[in-house]
Amino acid sequence: MDRKGWRITGIVQGVGFRYFVLREGKRAGLRGYVRNLPDGSVEIAASGPEESLKDFEKTISVGPPQAAVYEVRAFDVPEGLERRGGFDIEY
C-alpha cells in the first residue's frame, strides 16, 4: 500500500468538495480522510494501490463542478493511515 497526501487550495470549502472527495475515495477503495483547514484549504490523505492513488489525484485536482481548484500540493503521509477502516470526513 502506498500513502499520499494533498493540500488543495481554491474555492473548496462550502461547495461540497469534502463530500465529493469522500465519494471518490470510497469508490477507489482507498483509506484515509479529507478535512477543511482553518486557512480555507482542504487536506486529503489516502492510502491504497499506487495506480488508484494516481487516478484519485487526477480526480481531486478537478473537483466537483461548484469548486475551483487553484493548486494541489502533495505531501508525504506517515505510516499508519493504511490501518484506518475506510475513507472519512474529519472535523
PDB file of N, CA and C in Angstrom:
ATOM      1  N   MET A   1       0.843  -1.194   0.000  1.00  0.00           N
ATOM      2  CA  MET A   1       0.000   0.000   0.000  1.00  0.00           C
ATOM      3  C   MET A   1       0.879   1.246   0.000  1.00  0.00           C
ATOM      4  N   ASP A   2       0.570   2.161  -0.866  1.00  0.00           N
ATOM      5  CA  ASP A   2       1.245   3.452  -0.895  1.00  0.00           C
ATOM      6  C   ASP A   2       0.410   4.465  -0.126  1.00  0.00           C
ATOM      7  N   ARG A   3       1.045   5.561   0.278  1.00  0.00           N
ATOM      8  CA  ARG A   3       0.362   6.637   1.004  1.00  0.00           C
ATOM      9  C   ARG A   3       0.720   7.967   0.349  1.00  0.00           C
ATOM     10  N   LYS A   4      -0.270   8.856   0.311  1.00  0.00           N
ATOM     11  CA  LYS A   4      -0.023  10.177  -0.250  1.00  0.00           C
ATOM     12  C   LYS A   4      -0.994  11.178   0.356  1.00  0.00           C
ATOM     13  N   GLY A   5      -0.546  12.412   0.456  1.00  0.00           N
ATOM     14  CA  GLY A   5      -1.406  13.476   0.954  1.00  0.00           C
ATOM     15  C   GLY A   5      -1.398  14.647  -0.006  1.00  0.00           C
ATOM     16  N   TRP A   6      -2.467  15.438   0.056  1.00  0.00           N
ATOM     17  CA  TRP A   6      -2.588  16.621  -0.801  1.00  0.00           C
ATOM     18  C   TRP A   6      -3.207  17.756  -0.011  1.00  0.00           C
ATOM     19  N   ARG A   7      -2.762  18.951  -0.295  1.00  0.00           N
ATOM     20  CA  ARG A   7      -3.395  20.157   0.231  1.00  0.00           C
ATOM     21  C   ARG A   7      -3.939  20.906  -0.979  1.00  0.00           C
ATOM     22  N   ILE A   8      -5.251  21.131  -0.953  1.00  0.00           N
ATOM     23  CA  ILE A   8      -5.953  21.732  -2.083  1.00  0.00           C
ATOM     24  C   ILE A   8      -6.337  23.161  -1.722  1.00  0.00           C
ATOM     25  N   THR A   9      -5.979  24.103  -2.583  1.00  0.00           N
ATOM     26  CA  THR A   9      -6.394  25.490  -2.380  1.00  0.00           C
ATOM     27  C   THR A   9      -7.290  25.910  -3.542  1.00  0.00           C
ATOM     28  N   GLY A  10      -8.120  26.888  -3.258  1.00  0.00           N
ATOM     29  CA  GLY A  10      -9.061  27.399  -4.245  1.00  0.00           C
ATOM     30  C   GLY A  10     -10.409  27.621  -3.585  1.00  0.00           C
ATOM     31  N   ILE A  11     -11.459  27.529  -4.354  1.00  0.00           N
ATOM     32  CA  ILE A  11     -12.815  27.606  -3.814  1.00  0.00           C
ATOM     33  C   ILE A  11     -13.220  26.164  -3.532  1.00  0.00           C
ATOM     34  N   VAL A  12     -12.848  25.692  -2.334  1.00  0.00           N
ATOM     35  CA  VAL A  12     -13.004  24.277  -1.996  1.00  0.00           C
ATOM     36  C   VAL A  12     -13.711  24.052  -0.660  1.00  0.00           C
ATOM     37  N   GLN A  13     -14.156  25.104  -0.026  1.00  0.00           N
ATOM     38  CA  GLN A  13     -14.947  24.944   1.193  1.00  0.00           C
ATOM     39  C   GLN A  13     -16.328  25.529   0.944  1.00  0.00           C
ATOM     40  N   GLY A  14     -17.339  24.812   1.432  1.00  0.00           N
ATOM     41  CA  GLY A  14     -18.715  25.275   1.257  1.00  0.00           C
ATOM     42  C   GLY A  14     -19.304  24.976  -0.108  1.00  0.00           C
ATOM     43  N   VAL A  15     -18.644  24.103  -0.881  1.00  0.00           N
ATOM     44  CA  VAL A  15     -19.130  23.778  -2.227  1.00  0.00           C
ATOM     45  C   VAL A  15     -19.281  22.269  -2.427  1.00  0.00           C
ATOM     46  N   GLY A  16     -19.278  21.500  -1.348  1.00  0.00           N
ATOM     47  CA  GLY A  16     -19.431  20.057  -1.439  1.00  0.00           C
ATOM     48  C   GLY A  16     -18.153  19.317  -1.779  1.00  0.00           C
ATOM     49  N   PHE A  17     -17.018  19.990  -1.675  1.00  0.00           N
ATOM     50  CA  PHE A  17     -15.750  19.372  -2.049  1.00  0.00           C
ATOM     51  C   PHE A  17     -15.424  18.166  -1.179  1.00  0.00           C
ATOM     52  N   ARG A  18     -15.606  18.270   0.139  1.00  0.00           N
ATOM     53  CA  ARG A  18     -15.294  17.136   1.025  1.00  0.00           C
ATOM     54  C   ARG A  18     -16.160  15.924   0.700  1.00  0.00           C
ATOM     55  N   TYR A  19     -17.430  16.133   0.409  1.00  0.00           N
ATOM     56  CA  TYR A  19     -18.315  15.015   0.099  1.00  0.00           C
ATOM     57  C   TYR A  19     -17.960  14.387  -1.244  1.00  0.00           C
ATOM     58  N   PHE A  20     -17.517  15.213  -2.183  1.00  0.00           N
ATOM     59  CA  PHE A  20     -17.022  14.718  -3.464  1.00  0.00           C
ATOM     60  C   PHE A  20     -15.799  13.826  -3.237  1.00  0.00           C
ATOM     61  N   VAL A  21     -14.846  14.302  -2.427  1.00  0.00           N
ATOM     62  CA  VAL A  21     -13.635  13.533  -2.133  1.00  0.00           C
ATOM     63  C   VAL A  21     -13.991  12.243  -1.398  1.00  0.00           C
ATOM     64  N   LEU A  22     -14.901  12.326  -0.444  1.00  0.00           N
ATOM     65  CA  LEU A  22     -15.347  11.140   0.294  1.00  0.00           C
ATOM     66  C   LEU A  22     -15.879  10.082  -0.674  1.00  0.00           C
ATOM     67  N   ARG A  23     -16.772  10.485  -1.559  1.00  0.00           N
ATOM     68  CA  ARG A  23     -17.367   9.557  -2.520  1.00  0.00           C
ATOM     69  C   ARG A  23     -16.304   8.949  -3.428  1.00  0.00           C
ATOM     70  N   GLU A  24     -15.402   9.781  -3.935  1.00  0.00           N
ATOM     71  CA  GLU A  24     -14.371   9.296  -4.853  1.00  0.00           C
ATOM     72  C   GLU A  24     -13.360   8.404  -4.137  1.00  0.00           C
ATOM     73  N   GLY A  25     -13.021   8.731  -2.897  1.00  0.00           N
ATOM     74  CA  GLY A  25     -12.101   7.894  -2.123  1.00  0.00           C
ATOM     75  C   GLY A  25     -12.677   6.526  -1.852  1.00  0.00           C
ATOM     76  N   LYS A  26     -13.963   6.494  -1.495  1.00  0.00           N
ATOM     77  CA  LYS A  26     -14.625   5.209  -1.258  1.00  0.00           C
ATOM     78  C   LYS A  26     -14.744   4.413  -2.560  1.00  0.00           C
ATOM     79  N   ARG A  27     -15.093   5.092  -3.633  1.00  0.00           N
ATOM     80  CA  ARG A  27     -15.228   4.407  -4.920  1.00  0.00           C
ATOM     81  C   ARG A  27     -13.905   3.784  -5.366  1.00  0.00           C
ATOM     82  N   ALA A  28     -12.794   4.447  -5.049  1.00  0.00           N
ATOM     83  CA  ALA A  28     -11.467   3.939  -5.415  1.00  0.00           C
ATOM     84  C   ALA A  28     -10.958   2.879  -4.447  1.00  0.00           C
ATOM     85  N   GLY A  29     -11.703   2.644  -3.358  1.00  0.00           N
ATOM     86  CA  GLY A  29     -11.274   1.652  -2.376  1.00  0.00           C
ATOM     87  C   GLY A  29     -10.119   2.101  -1.512  1.00  0.00           C
ATOM     88  N   LEU A  30      -9.954   3.419  -1.351  1.00  0.00           N
ATOM     89  CA  LEU A  30      -8.856   3.967  -0.574  1.00  0.00           C
ATOM     90  C   LEU A  30      -9.224   4.078   0.899  1.00  0.00           C
ATOM     91  N   ARG A  31      -8.220   4.205   1.720  1.00  0.00           N
ATOM     92  CA  ARG A  31      -8.405   4.510   3.142  1.00  0.00           C
ATOM     93  C   ARG A  31      -7.807   5.888   3.374  1.00  0.00           C
ATOM     94  N   GLY A  32      -8.441   6.654   4.260  1.00  0.00           N
ATOM     95  CA  GLY A  32      -7.887   7.966   4.538  1.00  0.00           C
ATOM     96  C   GLY A  32      -8.939   8.932   5.017  1.00  0.00           C
ATOM     97  N   TYR A  33      -8.673  10.215   4.790  1.00  0.00           N
ATOM     98  CA  TYR A  33      -9.575  11.256   5.276  1.00  0.00           C
ATOM     99  C   TYR A  33      -9.481  12.503   4.414  1.00  0.00           C
ATOM    100  N   VAL A  34     -10.470  13.345   4.572  1.00  0.00           N
ATOM    101  CA  VAL A  34     -10.484  14.685   3.995  1.00  0.00           C
ATOM    102  C   VAL A  34     -10.971  15.619   5.093  1.00  0.00           C
ATOM    103  N   ARG A  35     -10.375  16.801   5.181  1.00  0.00           N
ATOM    104  CA  ARG A  35     -10.815  17.769   6.190  1.00  0.00           C
ATOM    105  C   ARG A  35     -10.525  19.193   5.733  1.00  0.00           C
ATOM    106  N   ASN A  36     -11.394  20.099   6.185  1.00  0.00           N
ATOM    107  CA  ASN A  36     -11.179  21.517   5.961  1.00  0.00           C
ATOM    108  C   ASN A  36     -10.103  22.016   6.911  1.00  0.00           C
ATOM    109  N   LEU A  37      -9.299  22.958   6.449  1.00  0.00           N
ATOM    110  CA  LEU A  37      -8.297  23.598   7.294  1.00  0.00           C
ATOM    111  C   LEU A  37      -8.713  25.047   7.550  1.00  0.00           C
ATOM    112  N   PRO A  38      -8.260  25.618   8.657  1.00  0.00           N
ATOM    113  CA  PRO A  38      -8.683  26.982   9.018  1.00  0.00           C
ATOM    114  C   PRO A  38      -8.355  28.048   7.974  1.00  0.00           C
ATOM    115  N   ASP A  39      -7.356  27.828   7.131  1.00  0.00           N
ATOM    116  CA  ASP A  39      -6.979  28.839   6.141  1.00  0.00           C
ATOM    117  C   ASP A  39      -7.821  28.791   4.863  1.00  0.00           C
ATOM    118  N   GLY A  40      -8.830  27.905   4.827  1.00  0.00           N
ATOM    119  CA  GLY A  40      -9.703  27.803   3.662  1.00  0.00           C
ATOM    120  C   GLY A  40      -9.319  26.705   2.686  1.00  0.00           C
ATOM    121  N   SER A  41      -8.205  26.031   2.948  1.00  0.00           N
ATOM    122  CA  SER A  41      -7.794  24.925   2.088  1.00  0.00           C
ATOM    123  C   SER A  41      -8.382  23.615   2.603  1.00  0.00           C
ATOM    124  N   VAL A  42      -8.158  22.545   1.860  1.00  0.00           N
ATOM    125  CA  VAL A  42      -8.623  21.215   2.230  1.00  0.00           C
ATOM    126  C   VAL A  42      -7.421  20.275   2.229  1.00  0.00           C
ATOM    127  N   GLU A  43      -7.343  19.430   3.254  1.00  0.00           N
ATOM    128  CA  GLU A  43      -6.281  18.432   3.350  1.00  0.00           C
ATOM    129  C   GLU A  43      -6.872  17.054   3.107  1.00  0.00           C
ATOM    130  N   ILE A  44      -6.170  16.277   2.302  1.00  0.00           N
ATOM    131  CA  ILE A  44      -6.590  14.916   1.984  1.00  0.00           C
ATOM    132  C   ILE A  44      -5.395  14.000   2.199  1.00  0.00           C
ATOM    133  N   ALA A  45      -5.615  12.870   2.841  1.00  0.00           N
ATOM    134  CA  ALA A  45      -4.585  11.843   2.973  1.00  0.00           C
ATOM    135  C   ALA A  45      -5.224  10.512   2.619  1.00  0.00           C
ATOM    136  N   ALA A  46      -4.510   9.709   1.832  1.00  0.00           N
ATOM    137  CA  ALA A  46      -5.078   8.438   1.387  1.00  0.00           C
ATOM    138  C   ALA A  46      -3.995   7.380   1.262  1.00  0.00           C
ATOM    139  N   SER A  47      -4.426   6.140   1.421  1.00  0.00           N
ATOM    140  CA  SER A  47      -3.533   5.012   1.181  1.00  0.00           C
ATOM    141  C   SER A  47      -4.271   3.999   0.311  1.00  0.00           C
ATOM    142  N   GLY A  48      -3.489   3.313  -0.523  1.00  0.00           N
ATOM    143  CA  GLY A  48      -4.047   2.325  -1.416  1.00  0.00           C
ATOM    144  C   GLY A  48      -3.056   1.975  -2.497  1.00  0.00           C
ATOM    145  N   PRO A  49      -3.473   1.229  -3.495  1.00  0.00           N
ATOM    146  CA  PRO A  49      -2.589   0.884  -4.605  1.00  0.00           C
ATOM    147  C   PRO A  49      -2.130   2.140  -5.359  1.00  0.00           C
ATOM    148  N   GLU A  50      -0.908   2.106  -5.827  1.00  0.00           N
ATOM    149  CA  GLU A  50      -0.312   3.267  -6.498  1.00  0.00           C
ATOM    150  C   GLU A  50      -1.183   3.790  -7.645  1.00  0.00           C
ATOM    151  N   GLU A  51      -1.688   2.902  -8.475  1.00  0.00           N
ATOM    152  CA  GLU A  51      -2.498   3.325  -9.627  1.00  0.00           C
ATOM    153  C   GLU A  51      -3.801   3.997  -9.173  1.00  0.00           C
ATOM    154  N   SER A  52      -4.408   3.486  -8.115  1.00  0.00           N
ATOM    155  CA  SER A  52      -5.634   4.093  -7.575  1.00  0.00           C
ATOM    156  C   SER A  52      -5.354   5.489  -7.044  1.00  0.00           C
ATOM    157  N   LEU A  53      -4.203   5.668  -6.388  1.00  0.00           N
ATOM    158  CA  LEU A  53      -3.841   6.994  -5.869  1.00  0.00           C
ATOM    159  C   LEU A  53      -3.595   7.983  -7.003  1.00  0.00           C
ATOM    160  N   LYS A  54      -2.978   7.530  -8.080  1.00  0.00           N
ATOM    161  CA  LYS A  54      -2.736   8.406  -9.235  1.00  0.00           C
ATOM    162  C   LYS A  54      -4.060   8.859  -9.853  1.00  0.00           C
ATOM    163  N   ASP A  55      -4.985   7.923 -10.032  1.00  0.00           N
ATOM    164  CA  ASP A  55      -6.296   8.268 -10.591  1.00  0.00           C
ATOM    165  C   ASP A  55      -7.060   9.204  -9.658  1.00  0.00           C
ATOM    166  N   PHE A  56      -6.984   8.934  -8.357  1.00  0.00           N
ATOM    167  CA  PHE A  56      -7.648   9.767  -7.351  1.00  0.00           C
ATOM    168  C   PHE A  56      -7.100  11.191  -7.391  1.00  0.00           C
ATOM    169  N   GLU A  57      -5.779  11.326  -7.525  1.00  0.00           N
ATOM    170  CA  GLU A  57      -5.163  12.655  -7.590  1.00  0.00           C
ATOM    171  C   GLU A  57      -5.678  13.437  -8.796  1.00  0.00           C
ATOM    172  N   LYS A  58      -5.828  12.776  -9.927  1.00  0.00           N
ATOM    173  CA  LYS A  58      -6.377  13.447 -11.109  1.00  0.00           C
ATOM    174  C   LYS A  58      -7.797  13.930 -10.844  1.00  0.00           C
ATOM    175  N   THR A  59      -8.594  13.107 -10.175  1.00  0.00           N
ATOM    176  CA  THR A  59      -9.989  13.447  -9.881  1.00  0.00           C
ATOM    177  C   THR A  59     -10.084  14.627  -8.928  1.00  0.00           C
ATOM    178  N   ILE A  60      -9.311  14.606  -7.839  1.00  0.00           N
ATOM    179  CA  ILE A  60      -9.404  15.703  -6.864  1.00  0.00           C
ATOM    180  C   ILE A  60      -8.791  16.992  -7.391  1.00  0.00           C
ATOM    181  N   SER A  61      -7.940  16.889  -8.404  1.00  0.00           N
ATOM    182  CA  SER A  61      -7.345  18.086  -8.998  1.00  0.00           C
ATOM    183  C   SER A  61      -8.374  18.884  -9.795  1.00  0.00           C
ATOM    184  N   VAL A  62      -9.470  18.235 -10.147  1.00  0.00           N
ATOM    185  CA  VAL A  62     -10.563  18.903 -10.867  1.00  0.00           C
ATOM    186  C   VAL A  62     -11.671  19.288  -9.886  1.00  0.00           C
ATOM    187  N   GLY A  63     -12.066  18.338  -9.032  1.00  0.00           N
ATOM    188  CA  GLY A  63     -13.120  18.603  -8.051  1.00  0.00           C
ATOM    189  C   GLY A  63     -14.499  18.594  -8.667  1.00  0.00           C
ATOM    190  N   PRO A  64     -15.514  18.850  -7.839  1.00  0.00           N
ATOM    191  CA  PRO A  64     -16.889  18.909  -8.340  1.00  0.00           C
ATOM    192  C   PRO A  64     -17.130  20.201  -9.121  1.00  0.00           C
ATOM    193  N   PRO A  65     -18.218  20.275  -9.864  1.00  0.00           N
ATOM    194  CA  PRO A  65     -18.477  21.458 -10.697  1.00  0.00           C
ATOM    195  C   PRO A  65     -18.519  22.787  -9.929  1.00  0.00           C
ATOM    196  N   GLN A  66     -18.965  22.770  -8.671  1.00  0.00           N
ATOM    197  CA  GLN A  66     -19.095  24.009  -7.901  1.00  0.00           C
ATOM    198  C   GLN A  66     -17.752  24.527  -7.392  1.00  0.00           C
ATOM    199  N   ALA A  67     -16.730  23.678  -7.383  1.00  0.00           N
ATOM    200  CA  ALA A  67     -15.424  24.043  -6.838  1.00  0.00           C
ATOM    201  C   ALA A  67     -14.528  24.636  -7.918  1.00  0.00           C
ATOM    202  N   ALA A  68     -13.497  25.327  -7.460  1.00  0.00           N
ATOM    203  CA  ALA A  68     -12.443  25.820  -8.342  1.00  0.00           C
ATOM    204  C   ALA A  68     -11.114  25.502  -7.669  1.00  0.00           C
ATOM    205  N   VAL A  69     -10.428  24.502  -8.180  1.00  0.00           N
ATOM    206  CA  VAL A  69      -9.143  24.090  -7.614  1.00  0.00           C
ATOM    207  C   VAL A  69      -8.051  24.941  -8.230  1.00  0.00           C
ATOM    208  N   TYR A  70      -7.329  25.677  -7.382  1.00  0.00           N
ATOM    209  CA  TYR A  70      -6.247  26.539  -7.861  1.00  0.00           C
ATOM    210  C   TYR A  70      -4.890  25.854  -7.780  1.00  0.00           C
ATOM    211  N   GLU A  71      -4.688  25.066  -6.714  1.00  0.00           N
ATOM    212  CA  GLU A  71      -3.385  24.429  -6.527  1.00  0.00           C
ATOM    213  C   GLU A  71      -3.556  23.120  -5.763  1.00  0.00           C
ATOM    214  N   VAL A  72      -2.763  22.132  -6.151  1.00  0.00           N
ATOM    215  CA  VAL A  72      -2.724  20.834  -5.471  1.00  0.00           C
ATOM    216  C   VAL A  72      -1.270  20.593  -5.090  1.00  0.00           C
ATOM    217  N   ARG A  73      -1.000  20.585  -3.784  1.00  0.00           N
ATOM    218  CA  ARG A  73       0.361  20.338  -3.295  1.00  0.00           C
ATOM    219  C   ARG A  73       0.398  18.983  -2.595  1.00  0.00           C
ATOM    220  N   ALA A  74       1.283  18.110  -3.051  1.00  0.00           N
ATOM    221  CA  ALA A  74       1.411  16.779  -2.461  1.00  0.00           C
ATOM    222  C   ALA A  74       2.340  16.833  -1.244  1.00  0.00           C
ATOM    223  N   PHE A  75       2.088  15.932  -0.295  1.00  0.00           N
ATOM    224  CA  PHE A  75       2.983  15.780   0.854  1.00  0.00           C
ATOM    225  C   PHE A  75       3.015  14.317   1.268  1.00  0.00           C
ATOM    226  N   ASP A  76       4.078  13.947   1.971  1.00  0.00           N
ATOM    227  CA  ASP A  76       4.224  12.573   2.448  1.00  0.00           C
ATOM    228  C   ASP A  76       3.371  12.356   3.682  1.00  0.00           C
ATOM    229  N   VAL A  77       2.770  11.205   3.748  1.00  0.00           N
ATOM    230  CA  VAL A  77       1.907  10.831   4.867  1.00  0.00           C
ATOM    231  C   VAL A  77       2.633   9.754   5.676  1.00  0.00           C
ATOM    232  N   PRO A  78       2.701   9.910   6.999  1.00  0.00           N
ATOM    233  CA  PRO A  78       3.384   8.895   7.805  1.00  0.00           C
ATOM    234  C   PRO A  78       2.631   7.569   7.816  1.00  0.00           C
ATOM    235  N   GLU A  79       3.334   6.522   8.178  1.00  0.00           N
ATOM    236  CA  GLU A  79       2.721   5.195   8.287  1.00  0.00           C
ATOM    237  C   GLU A  79       1.548   5.214   9.244  1.00  0.00           C
ATOM    238  N   GLY A  80       0.653   4.267   9.062  1.00  0.00           N
ATOM    239  CA  GLY A  80      -0.494   4.122   9.947  1.00  0.00           C
ATOM    240  C   GLY A  80      -1.813   4.417   9.272  1.00  0.00           C
ATOM    241  N   LEU A  81      -1.785   5.211   8.228  1.00  0.00           N
ATOM    242  CA  LEU A  81      -3.018   5.570   7.524  1.00  0.00           C
ATOM    243  C   LEU A  81      -3.707   4.331   6.960  1.00  0.00           C
ATOM    244  N   GLU A  82      -2.909   3.367   6.538  1.00  0.00           N
ATOM    245  CA  GLU A  82      -3.481   2.168   5.933  1.00  0.00           C
ATOM    246  C   GLU A  82      -4.259   1.312   6.930  1.00  0.00           C
ATOM    247  N   ARG A  83      -4.134   1.598   8.218  1.00  0.00           N
ATOM    248  CA  ARG A  83      -4.880   0.850   9.235  1.00  0.00           C
ATOM    249  C   ARG A  83      -6.277   1.429   9.489  1.00  0.00           C
ATOM    250  N   ARG A  84      -6.592   2.516   8.860  1.00  0.00           N
ATOM    251  CA  ARG A  84      -7.929   3.094   9.008  1.00  0.00           C
ATOM    252  C   ARG A  84      -8.976   2.143   8.446  1.00  0.00           C
ATOM    253  N   GLY A  85     -10.190   2.282   8.904  1.00  0.00           N
ATOM    254  CA  GLY A  85     -11.264   1.410   8.460  1.00  0.00           C
ATOM    255  C   GLY A  85     -11.870   1.760   7.127  1.00  0.00           C
ATOM    256  N   GLY A  86     -11.531   2.865   6.546  1.00  0.00           N
ATOM    257  CA  GLY A  86     -12.115   3.284   5.283  1.00  0.00           C
ATOM    258  C   GLY A  86     -11.725   4.709   4.984  1.00  0.00           C
ATOM    259  N   PHE A  87     -12.593   5.419   4.295  1.00  0.00           N
ATOM    260  CA  PHE A  87     -12.343   6.813   3.941  1.00  0.00           C
ATOM    261  C   PHE A  87     -13.405   7.656   4.641  1.00  0.00           C
ATOM    262  N   ASP A  88     -12.995   8.714   5.350  1.00  0.00           N
ATOM    263  CA  ASP A  88     -13.910   9.505   6.170  1.00  0.00           C
ATOM    264  C   ASP A  88     -13.672  11.001   6.029  1.00  0.00           C
ATOM    265  N   ILE A  89     -14.659  11.766   6.449  1.00  0.00           N
ATOM    266  CA  ILE A  89     -14.509  13.203   6.631  1.00  0.00           C
ATOM    267  C   ILE A  89     -14.115  13.419   8.094  1.00  0.00           C
ATOM    268  N   GLU A  90     -13.054  14.159   8.314  1.00  0.00           N
ATOM    269  CA  GLU A  90     -12.654  14.525   9.677  1.00  0.00           C
ATOM    270  C   GLU A  90     -13.081  15.964   9.929  1.00  0.00           C
ATOM    271  N   TYR A  91     -13.540  16.194  11.134  1.00  0.00           N
ATOM    272  CA  TYR A  91     -13.988  17.544  11.510  1.00  0.00           C
ATOM    273  C   TYR A  91     -13.063  18.151  12.523  1.00  0.00           C
TER     274      TYR A  91
END
